[in-house]
Amino acid sequence: MTAVPAPRWPGVLAAVLGLLTAAGLISGIVLATSGLFELATWVAWATTGVSAAAVLLGLGALIGRLGRGWAAIGVLLGVIANPLLLVHGLGWIGRLGA
C-alpha cells in the first residue's frame, strides 16, 4: 500500500493570499499618494482582512504540514505587508531616532 501525499493547497492558498496582501498594500499606497484617501482607506481595511486570512491559513498549514514552504511565504508576506503592523512598526522605528 502506498502512502497518500498530503495536500499542498492550504499552503499555496496562504501564499496567494500573502501576495494579494502585498498587492493591496502597494495599491493603497499608490491611491493615498494620488489623493484618493477614502478609497485608500477601504483598500487598507480589505488588505488587513486578507493579511489575517493569509497568516491564519498559513499557520494552520504549517502546523498540519500541508505545503509548509508555501505556508511560510504566506505567513511572512501576511505579517510584513499588513497595513496596521506596518504603520505601528514604522512609527516605532521613527521614535527610535527622536
Protein backbone atom coordinates (compact mmCIF):
# COMPACT_ATOMS: atom_id res chain seq x y z
CA MET A 1 0.00 0.00 0.00
CA THR A 2 1.37 3.42 -0.92
CA ALA A 3 1.07 6.47 1.25
CA VAL A 4 -1.16 9.26 0.00
CA PRO A 5 0.77 12.56 -0.13
CA ALA A 6 -0.56 15.41 1.99
CA PRO A 7 -2.39 18.11 0.02
CA ARG A 8 -0.43 21.30 -0.58
CA TRP A 9 -3.32 23.59 -1.44
CA PRO A 10 -3.63 25.17 2.04
CA GLY A 11 -0.02 26.35 1.90
CA VAL A 12 -0.36 27.52 -1.70
CA LEU A 13 -3.57 29.40 -0.86
CA ALA A 14 -1.81 31.09 2.07
CA ALA A 15 0.99 32.20 -0.28
CA VAL A 16 -1.53 33.55 -2.80
CA LEU A 17 -3.28 35.48 -0.02
CA GLY A 18 0.11 36.80 1.09
CA LEU A 19 0.80 38.03 -2.43
CA LEU A 20 -2.64 39.66 -2.53
CA THR A 21 -1.77 41.36 0.76
CA ALA A 22 1.39 42.82 -0.76
CA ALA A 23 -0.53 43.92 -3.87
CA GLY A 24 -3.19 45.55 -1.70
CA LEU A 25 -0.57 47.40 0.30
CA ILE A 26 1.07 48.75 -2.84
CA SER A 27 -2.32 49.73 -4.29
CA GLY A 28 -3.27 51.52 -1.08
CA ILE A 29 -0.01 53.49 -1.05
CA VAL A 30 -0.48 54.49 -4.69
CA LEU A 31 -4.08 55.55 -4.04
CA ALA A 32 -3.11 57.55 -0.93
CA THR A 33 -0.31 59.37 -2.71
CA SER A 34 -2.73 60.17 -5.55
CA GLY A 35 -5.07 61.90 -3.09
CA LEU A 36 -7.78 59.21 -3.11
CA PHE A 37 -7.76 58.83 0.67
CA GLU A 38 -11.23 57.32 1.11
CA LEU A 39 -10.56 54.58 -1.44
CA ALA A 40 -7.09 54.00 0.05
CA THR A 41 -8.71 53.51 3.46
CA TRP A 42 -11.09 50.88 2.10
CA VAL A 43 -8.21 49.10 0.37
CA ALA A 44 -6.23 49.17 3.63
CA TRP A 45 -9.09 47.55 5.56
CA ALA A 46 -9.55 44.87 2.88
CA THR A 47 -5.81 44.26 2.84
CA THR A 48 -5.82 43.83 6.62
CA GLY A 49 -8.51 41.16 6.32
CA VAL A 50 -6.66 39.33 3.55
CA SER A 51 -3.49 39.55 5.64
CA ALA A 52 -5.22 37.96 8.62
CA ALA A 53 -6.54 35.16 6.42
CA ALA A 54 -3.05 34.55 4.97
CA VAL A 55 -1.47 34.35 8.41
CA LEU A 56 -4.15 32.12 9.93
CA LEU A 57 -4.30 29.75 6.97
CA GLY A 58 -0.51 29.72 6.73
CA LEU A 59 -0.12 28.87 10.41
CA GLY A 60 -2.69 26.09 10.03
CA ALA A 61 -0.84 24.72 7.02
CA LEU A 62 2.48 24.90 8.86
CA ILE A 63 1.09 23.03 11.86
CA GLY A 64 -0.61 20.46 9.64
CA ARG A 65 2.42 20.10 7.34
CA LEU A 66 0.33 20.97 4.29
CA GLY A 67 2.58 22.80 1.86
CA ARG A 68 4.90 24.14 4.54
CA GLY A 69 7.20 26.14 2.26
CA TRP A 70 4.31 27.96 0.62
CA ALA A 71 2.66 28.44 4.00
CA ALA A 72 5.79 30.08 5.41
CA ILE A 73 5.83 32.51 2.48
CA GLY A 74 2.16 33.31 3.09
CA VAL A 75 2.71 33.97 6.79
CA LEU A 76 5.77 36.11 6.12
CA LEU A 77 4.04 38.23 3.48
CA GLY A 78 0.88 38.43 5.58
CA VAL A 79 2.80 39.85 8.53
CA ILE A 80 5.20 42.14 6.65
CA ALA A 81 2.59 43.65 4.32
CA ASN A 82 -0.12 44.12 6.96
CA PRO A 83 -1.00 47.85 6.89
CA LEU A 84 -1.71 48.09 10.62
CA LEU A 85 1.51 46.38 11.63
CA LEU A 86 3.44 48.42 9.09
CA VAL A 87 2.13 51.72 10.46
CA HIS A 88 2.91 50.75 14.05
CA GLY A 89 6.31 49.31 13.14
CA LEU A 90 7.38 52.35 11.15
CA GLY A 91 6.13 54.66 13.92
CA TRP A 92 8.18 52.72 16.45
CA ILE A 93 11.28 52.93 14.24
CA GLY A 94 10.69 56.68 13.81
CA ARG A 95 10.57 57.17 17.58
CA LEU A 96 13.92 55.42 18.00
CA GLY A 97 15.74 58.29 16.28
CA ALA A 98 13.89 61.02 18.18
